[in-house]
Amino acid sequence: MKTNLGTAVMLLLLSLAISSCSNTKILYSKAEQQAKIKKQSKVLVIAMMTDKDQKLRQNMENIMVENLRKNGIEAGSSIATFGINAFDKLDEATTISKIKSQGYDGAFTIALLAKTKEKGYRPGRIATVYNPYRFWSYWNNYNSMFARMYIPPHYARDNKFIIEGNVFSLDSDQLVYSAQTKTINPNSPESLANSFTKTLLNDMYKNGVFSN
């Protein structure tokens, strides 16, 4: 009996230790004070990831859409609405027209910027981060638009994901909100998507991104 109880306690502690290692933190966020997404808006969630990360892409879109709807925002998944490769090789006017034809006036992009396994000492370095302003310029140049950010030296042995979220008003073609996050050791694509969504939406509401 004592052995079984001891084993159960050890498993519980191990489970808590694993879950505590999976978390998302905001590295940077900015909300434009003059631009808001109204509660009556219809927002298209677009996860921007490679073919190798399709499971994460689907989880990101579905979970973000579900949580936006729970908070009173009408939202849809780009995969569910248009398909996986619907915007490939389209120009700006055609892409925007296609999105707006379904009643969307807002876009929520989720971009996987980095996925790394770190082990040992890492010296300080300058990393790259993009500061977007327009929906199309961000979409069209996802892999090449960057600015500078300093990462201090550290010891690490982690699976690290750097993910950026941006909210655009398609009517005014303005950036409404931008944030970059870091998640360490998620248990699954679903847990990563849940952690990212919860953290980002909390920050967005705190910064008044959505208005009545």
C-alpha atoms as a PDB file:
ATOM      1  CA  MET A   1       0.000   0.000   0.000  1.00  0.00           C
ATOM      2  CA  LYS A   2       2.800   2.361   0.976  1.00  0.00           C
ATOM      3  CA  THR A   3       4.661   1.453  -2.213  1.00  0.00           C
ATOM      4  CA  ASN A   4       1.626   2.208  -4.364  1.00  0.00           C
ATOM      5  CA  LEU A   5       1.021   5.487  -2.542  1.00  0.00           C
ATOM      6  CA  GLY A   6       4.662   6.458  -2.914  1.00  0.00           C
ATOM      7  CA  THR A   7       4.567   5.647  -6.617  1.00  0.00           C
ATOM      8  CA  ALA A   8       1.394   7.687  -7.083  1.00  0.00           C
ATOM      9  CA  VAL A   9       2.944  10.662  -5.297  1.00  0.00           C
ATOM     10  CA  MET A  10       6.086  10.426  -7.430  1.00  0.00           C
ATOM     11  CA  LEU A  11       4.016  10.281 -10.627  1.00  0.00           C
ATOM     12  CA  LEU A  12       1.985  13.289  -9.504  1.00  0.00           C
ATOM     13  CA  LEU A  13       5.130  15.286  -8.726  1.00  0.00           C
ATOM     14  CA  LEU A  14       6.640  14.288 -12.082  1.00  0.00           C
ATOM     15  CA  SER A  15       3.453  15.351 -13.871  1.00  0.00           C
ATOM     16  CA  LEU A  16       3.481  18.710 -12.092  1.00  0.00           C
ATOM     17  CA  ALA A  17       7.153  19.208 -12.920  1.00  0.00           C
ATOM     18  CA  ILE A  18       6.553  18.496 -16.598  1.00  0.00           C
ATOM     19  CA  SER A  19       3.517  20.758 -16.812  1.00  0.00           C
ATOM     20  CA  SER A  20       5.332  23.566 -15.013  1.00  0.00           C
ATOM     21  CA  CYS A  21       8.050  23.503 -17.666  1.00  0.00           C
ATOM     22  CA  SER A  22       5.557  24.231 -20.439  1.00  0.00           C
ATOM     23  CA  ASN A  23       4.773  27.927 -20.504  1.00  0.00           C
ATOM     24  CA  THR A  24       4.444  30.914 -22.793  1.00  0.00           C
ATOM     25  CA  LYS A  25       5.881  34.320 -22.020  1.00  0.00           C
ATOM     26  CA  ILE A  26       5.480  37.610 -23.845  1.00  0.00           C
ATOM     27  CA  LEU A  27       8.808  38.885 -25.171  1.00  0.00           C
ATOM     28  CA  TYR A  28       7.352  41.995 -26.756  1.00  0.00           C
ATOM     29  CA  SER A  29       3.902  43.434 -27.347  1.00  0.00           C
ATOM     30  CA  LYS A  30       2.483  46.652 -28.704  1.00  0.00           C
ATOM     31  CA  ALA A  31      -1.090  47.810 -29.215  1.00  0.00           C
ATOM     32  CA  GLU A  32      -1.842  50.745 -31.481  1.00  0.00           C
ATOM     33  CA  GLN A  33      -3.919  53.197 -29.445  1.00  0.00           C
ATOM     34  CA  GLN A  34      -5.769  54.634 -32.440  1.00  0.00           C
ATOM     35  CA  ALA A  35      -6.668  51.291 -34.025  1.00  0.00           C
ATOM     36  CA  LYS A  36      -9.018  48.709 -32.529  1.00  0.00           C
ATOM     37  CA  ILE A  37     -10.834  45.544 -33.512  1.00  0.00           C
ATOM     38  CA  LYS A  38     -14.540  46.004 -32.778  1.00  0.00           C
ATOM     39  CA  LYS A  39     -16.540  43.226 -31.149  1.00  0.00           C
ATOM     40  CA  GLN A  40     -18.771  43.043 -34.242  1.00  0.00           C
ATOM     41  CA  SER A  41     -15.753  42.445 -36.489  1.00  0.00           C
ATOM     42  CA  LYS A  42     -15.168  39.145 -38.257  1.00  0.00           C
ATOM     43  CA  VAL A  43     -11.558  38.005 -37.889  1.00  0.00           C
ATOM     44  CA  LEU A  44      -9.740  35.427 -40.028  1.00  0.00           C
ATOM     45  CA  VAL A  45      -7.051  33.491 -38.141  1.00  0.00           C
ATOM     46  CA  ILE A  46      -4.093  32.644 -40.389  1.00  0.00           C
ATOM     47  CA  ALA A  47      -1.290  30.448 -39.017  1.00  0.00           C
ATOM     48  CA  MET A  48       1.873  30.852 -41.100  1.00  0.00           C
ATOM     49  CA  MET A  49       4.017  27.724 -40.821  1.00  0.00           C
ATOM     50  CA  THR A  50       5.879  25.237 -42.978  1.00  0.00           C
ATOM     51  CA  ASP A  51       4.490  21.934 -44.236  1.00  0.00           C
ATOM     52  CA  LYS A  52       6.364  20.150 -41.426  1.00  0.00           C
ATOM     53  CA  ASP A  53       4.294  22.032 -38.859  1.00  0.00           C
ATOM     54  CA  GLN A  54       0.800  21.437 -40.271  1.00  0.00           C
ATOM     55  CA  LYS A  55      -0.454  19.826 -37.056  1.00  0.00           C
ATOM     56  CA  LEU A  56       0.652  22.869 -35.070  1.00  0.00           C
ATOM     57  CA  ARG A  57      -0.833  25.163 -37.712  1.00  0.00           C
ATOM     58  CA  GLN A  58      -4.248  23.491 -37.469  1.00  0.00           C
ATOM     59  CA  ASN A  59      -4.159  23.518 -33.669  1.00  0.00           C
ATOM     60  CA  MET A  60      -3.189  27.193 -33.610  1.00  0.00           C
ATOM     61  CA  GLU A  61      -6.028  28.219 -35.900  1.00  0.00           C
ATOM     62  CA  ASN A  62      -8.704  26.043 -34.307  1.00  0.00           C
ATOM     63  CA  ILE A  63      -7.862  26.905 -30.705  1.00  0.00           C
ATOM     64  CA  MET A  64      -7.501  30.635 -31.383  1.00  0.00           C
ATOM     65  CA  VAL A  65     -10.823  30.668 -33.274  1.00  0.00           C
ATOM     66  CA  GLU A  66     -12.543  28.777 -30.451  1.00  0.00           C
ATOM     67  CA  ASN A  67     -11.254  31.201 -27.808  1.00  0.00           C
ATOM     68  CA  LEU A  68     -12.068  34.313 -29.822  1.00  0.00           C
ATOM     69  CA  ARG A  69     -15.632  33.058 -30.230  1.00  0.00           C
ATOM     70  CA  LYS A  70     -15.878  32.383 -26.494  1.00  0.00           C
ATOM     71  CA  ASN A  71     -14.948  36.031 -25.974  1.00  0.00           C
ATOM     72  CA  GLY A  72     -17.632  37.305 -28.330  1.00  0.00           C
ATOM     73  CA  ILE A  73     -15.482  37.804 -31.444  1.00  0.00           C
ATOM     74  CA  GLU A  74     -16.713  36.206 -34.673  1.00  0.00           C
ATOM     75  CA  ALA A  75     -13.718  34.332 -36.057  1.00  0.00           C
ATOM     76  CA  GLY A  76     -12.831  31.714 -38.645  1.00  0.00           C
ATOM     77  CA  SER A  77      -9.896  29.493 -39.576  1.00  0.00           C
ATOM     78  CA  SER A  78      -8.131  30.150 -42.882  1.00  0.00           C
ATOM     79  CA  ILE A  79      -7.689  26.400 -43.414  1.00  0.00           C
ATOM     80  CA  ALA A  80     -11.359  25.637 -42.749  1.00  0.00           C
ATOM     81  CA  THR A  81     -12.546  28.588 -44.849  1.00  0.00           C
ATOM     82  CA  PHE A  82     -10.149  28.571 -47.798  1.00  0.00           C
ATOM     83  CA  GLY A  83      -8.007  25.416 -47.593  1.00  0.00           C
ATOM     84  CA  ILE A  84      -4.327  24.880 -46.810  1.00  0.00           C
ATOM     85  CA  ASN A  85      -2.785  26.494 -49.911  1.00  0.00           C
ATOM     86  CA  ALA A  86      -5.573  28.880 -50.895  1.00  0.00           C
ATOM     87  CA  PHE A  87      -3.407  32.020 -50.931  1.00  0.00           C
ATOM     88  CA  ASP A  88      -0.330  30.579 -52.649  1.00  0.00           C
ATOM     89  CA  LYS A  89       0.836  32.606 -55.661  1.00  0.00           C
ATOM     90  CA  LEU A  90      -1.918  35.218 -55.281  1.00  0.00           C
ATOM     91  CA  ASP A  91      -1.195  38.942 -55.434  1.00  0.00           C
ATOM     92  CA  GLU A  92      -2.222  41.461 -52.779  1.00  0.00           C
ATOM     93  CA  ALA A  93      -5.477  42.623 -54.348  1.00  0.00           C
ATOM     94  CA  THR A  94      -6.698  39.088 -55.041  1.00  0.00           C
ATOM     95  CA  THR A  95      -5.815  37.839 -51.556  1.00  0.00           C
ATOM     96  CA  ILE A  96      -7.505  40.734 -49.757  1.00  0.00           C
ATOM     97  CA  SER A  97     -10.545  40.482 -52.038  1.00  0.00           C
ATOM     98  CA  LYS A  98     -10.822  36.750 -51.397  1.00  0.00           C
ATOM     99  CA  ILE A  99     -10.720  37.251 -47.623  1.00  0.00           C
ATOM    100  CA  LYS A 100     -13.187  40.140 -47.649  1.00  0.00           C
ATOM    101  CA  SER A 101     -15.584  38.202 -49.894  1.00  0.00           C
ATOM    102  CA  GLN A 102     -16.288  35.954 -46.904  1.00  0.00           C
ATOM    103  CA  GLY A 103     -17.135  38.937 -44.704  1.00  0.00           C
ATOM    104  CA  TYR A 104     -13.819  39.234 -42.889  1.00  0.00           C
ATOM    105  CA  ASP A 105     -12.611  42.710 -41.947  1.00  0.00           C
ATOM    106  CA  GLY A 106      -9.784  41.631 -39.637  1.00  0.00           C
ATOM    107  CA  ALA A 107      -6.835  39.235 -39.894  1.00  0.00           C
ATOM    108  CA  PHE A 108      -4.999  37.523 -37.043  1.00  0.00           C
ATOM    109  CA  THR A 109      -1.673  36.105 -38.254  1.00  0.00           C
ATOM    110  CA  ILE A 110       0.281  33.595 -36.169  1.00  0.00           C
ATOM    111  CA  ALA A 111       3.837  33.031 -37.395  1.00  0.00           C
ATOM    112  CA  LEU A 112       6.340  30.459 -36.146  1.00  0.00           C
ATOM    113  CA  LEU A 113       9.624  32.391 -36.235  1.00  0.00           C
ATOM    114  CA  ALA A 114      11.934  29.841 -34.611  1.00  0.00           C
ATOM    115  CA  LYS A 115      11.906  26.281 -33.289  1.00  0.00           C
ATOM    116  CA  THR A 116      15.131  25.217 -31.600  1.00  0.00           C
ATOM    117  CA  LYS A 117      16.633  22.639 -29.274  1.00  0.00           C
ATOM    118  CA  GLU A 118      19.144  24.241 -26.958  1.00  0.00           C
ATOM    119  CA  LYS A 119      21.761  22.456 -24.883  1.00  0.00           C
ATOM    120  CA  GLY A 120      24.604  23.974 -22.911  1.00  0.00           C
ATOM    121  CA  TYR A 121      25.883  27.525 -22.710  1.00  0.00           C
ATOM    122  CA  ARG A 122      24.627  30.090 -25.201  1.00  0.00           C
ATOM    123  CA  PRO A 123      26.497  33.393 -25.457  1.00  0.00           C
ATOM    124  CA  GLY A 124      24.611  36.647 -25.845  1.00  0.00           C
ATOM    125  CA  ARG A 125      23.595  37.406 -29.413  1.00  0.00           C
ATOM    126  CA  ILE A 126      21.512  39.647 -31.609  1.00  0.00           C
ATOM    127  CA  ALA A 127      18.396  37.865 -32.855  1.00  0.00           C
ATOM    128  CA  THR A 128      15.996  39.009 -35.542  1.00  0.00           C
ATOM    129  CA  VAL A 129      12.453  40.205 -34.990  1.00  0.00           C
ATOM    130  CA  TYR A 130      10.076  41.798 -37.447  1.00  0.00           C
ATOM    131  CA  ASN A 131       7.950  44.833 -36.628  1.00  0.00           C
ATOM    132  CA  PRO A 132       5.010  44.725 -39.082  1.00  0.00           C
ATOM    133  CA  TYR A 133       2.759  47.572 -40.157  1.00  0.00           C
ATOM    134  CA  ARG A 134       0.603  46.326 -43.055  1.00  0.00           C
ATOM    135  CA  PHE A 135      -1.109  42.957 -43.471  1.00  0.00           C
ATOM    136  CA  TRP A 136       0.068  42.289 -47.019  1.00  0.00           C
ATOM    137  CA  SER A 137       3.669  43.350 -46.491  1.00  0.00           C
ATOM    138  CA  TYR A 138       3.852  41.019 -43.504  1.00  0.00           C
ATOM    139  CA  TRP A 139       2.199  38.134 -45.345  1.00  0.00           C
ATOM    140  CA  ASN A 140       4.252  38.574 -48.501  1.00  0.00           C
ATOM    141  CA  ASN A 141       7.621  38.937 -46.768  1.00  0.00           C
ATOM    142  CA  TYR A 142       7.191  36.623 -43.774  1.00  0.00           C
ATOM    143  CA  ASN A 143      10.668  35.099 -44.085  1.00  0.00           C
ATOM    144  CA  SER A 144      12.663  38.262 -44.726  1.00  0.00           C
ATOM    145  CA  MET A 145      11.418  41.225 -42.627  1.00  0.00           C
ATOM    146  CA  PHE A 146      13.402  41.638 -39.435  1.00  0.00           C
ATOM    147  CA  ALA A 147      14.661  44.053 -36.780  1.00  0.00           C
ATOM    148  CA  ARG A 148      17.175  43.553 -33.941  1.00  0.00           C
ATOM    149  CA  MET A 149      16.694  42.063 -30.482  1.00  0.00           C
ATOM    150  CA  TYR A 150      19.331  41.115 -27.885  1.00  0.00           C
ATOM    151  CA  ILE A 151      19.218  37.682 -26.242  1.00  0.00           C
ATOM    152  CA  PRO A 152      21.445  37.478 -23.115  1.00  0.00           C
ATOM    153  CA  PRO A 153      23.853  34.580 -22.439  1.00  0.00           C
ATOM    154  CA  HIS A 154      22.330  31.551 -20.733  1.00  0.00           C
ATOM    155  CA  TYR A 155      22.525  27.811 -20.072  1.00  0.00           C
ATOM    156  CA  ALA A 156      19.741  25.793 -21.637  1.00  0.00           C
ATOM    157  CA  ARG A 157      18.530  22.368 -22.671  1.00  0.00           C
ATOM    158  CA  ASP A 158      15.074  23.104 -23.933  1.00  0.00           C
ATOM    159  CA  ASN A 159      12.698  22.908 -26.868  1.00  0.00           C
ATOM    160  CA  LYS A 160      11.991  26.560 -27.553  1.00  0.00           C
ATOM    161  CA  PHE A 161       9.340  28.057 -29.841  1.00  0.00           C
ATOM    162  CA  ILE A 162       9.288  31.734 -30.814  1.00  0.00           C
ATOM    163  CA  ILE A 163       5.854  32.650 -32.166  1.00  0.00           C
ATOM    164  CA  GLU A 164       4.570  36.022 -33.284  1.00  0.00           C
ATOM    165  CA  GLY A 165       0.958  37.158 -33.361  1.00  0.00           C
ATOM    166  CA  ASN A 166      -0.306  40.178 -35.298  1.00  0.00           C
ATOM    167  CA  VAL A 167      -3.810  41.591 -35.631  1.00  0.00           C
ATOM    168  CA  PHE A 168      -4.668  43.739 -38.655  1.00  0.00           C
ATOM    169  CA  SER A 169      -7.700  45.779 -39.643  1.00  0.00           C
ATOM    170  CA  LEU A 170      -8.308  44.983 -43.304  1.00  0.00           C
ATOM    171  CA  ASP A 171     -10.585  47.990 -43.801  1.00  0.00           C
ATOM    172  CA  SER A 172      -7.914  50.505 -42.800  1.00  0.00           C
ATOM    173  CA  ASP A 173      -4.952  48.212 -43.620  1.00  0.00           C
ATOM    174  CA  GLN A 174      -3.511  49.021 -40.202  1.00  0.00           C
ATOM    175  CA  LEU A 175      -1.623  46.974 -37.652  1.00  0.00           C
ATOM    176  CA  VAL A 176      -3.737  46.878 -34.492  1.00  0.00           C
ATOM    177  CA  TYR A 177      -1.606  44.662 -32.252  1.00  0.00           C
ATOM    178  CA  SER A 178       1.728  42.855 -32.418  1.00  0.00           C
ATOM    179  CA  ALA A 179       3.398  40.493 -29.954  1.00  0.00           C
ATOM    180  CA  GLN A 180       6.188  37.974 -29.855  1.00  0.00           C
ATOM    181  CA  THR A 181       6.172  35.032 -27.456  1.00  0.00           C
ATOM    182  CA  LYS A 182       8.487  32.304 -26.234  1.00  0.00           C
ATOM    183  CA  THR A 183       7.234  28.871 -25.196  1.00  0.00           C
ATOM    184  CA  ILE A 184       9.546  26.307 -23.622  1.00  0.00           C
ATOM    185  CA  ASN A 185       8.984  22.548 -23.567  1.00  0.00           C
ATOM    186  CA  PRO A 186       5.339  22.247 -24.632  1.00  0.00           C
ATOM    187  CA  ASN A 187       3.976  18.723 -24.282  1.00  0.00           C
ATOM    188  CA  SER A 188       2.280  18.702 -27.689  1.00  0.00           C
ATOM    189  CA  PRO A 189       1.203  20.971 -30.571  1.00  0.00           C
ATOM    190  CA  GLU A 190      -2.165  21.303 -28.836  1.00  0.00           C
ATOM    191  CA  SER A 191      -0.645  22.370 -25.506  1.00  0.00           C
ATOM    192  CA  LEU A 192       1.579  24.874 -27.322  1.00  0.00           C
ATOM    193  CA  ALA A 193      -1.435  26.330 -29.124  1.00  0.00           C
ATOM    194  CA  ASN A 194      -3.440  26.521 -25.893  1.00  0.00           C
ATOM    195  CA  SER A 195      -0.625  28.200 -23.981  1.00  0.00           C
ATOM    196  CA  PHE A 196       0.064  30.709 -26.769  1.00  0.00           C
ATOM    197  CA  THR A 197      -3.624  31.547 -27.208  1.00  0.00           C
ATOM    198  CA  LYS A 198      -4.285  32.072 -23.497  1.00  0.00           C
ATOM    199  CA  THR A 199      -1.213  34.268 -23.038  1.00  0.00           C
ATOM    200  CA  LEU A 200      -1.807  36.374 -26.132  1.00  0.00           C
ATOM    201  CA  LEU A 201      -5.522  36.967 -25.569  1.00  0.00           C
ATOM    202  CA  ASN A 202      -4.890  37.973 -21.954  1.00  0.00           C
ATOM    203  CA  ASP A 203      -2.339  40.524 -23.148  1.00  0.00           C
ATOM    204  CA  MET A 204      -4.631  41.779 -25.910  1.00  0.00           C
ATOM    205  CA  TYR A 205      -7.538  42.387 -23.558  1.00  0.00           C
ATOM    206  CA  LYS A 206      -5.219  44.020 -21.042  1.00  0.00           C
ATOM    207  CA  ASN A 207      -4.097  46.410 -23.788  1.00  0.00           C
ATOM    208  CA  GLY A 208      -7.628  47.167 -24.987  1.00  0.00           C
ATOM    209  CA  VAL A 209      -7.206  45.718 -28.481  1.00  0.00           C
ATOM    210  CA  PHE A 210     -10.913  44.874 -28.767  1.00  0.00           C
ATOM    211  CA  SER A 211     -13.547  47.584 -28.411  1.00  0.00           C
ATOM    212  CA  ASN A 212     -17.343  47.496 -28.156  1.00  0.00           C
END
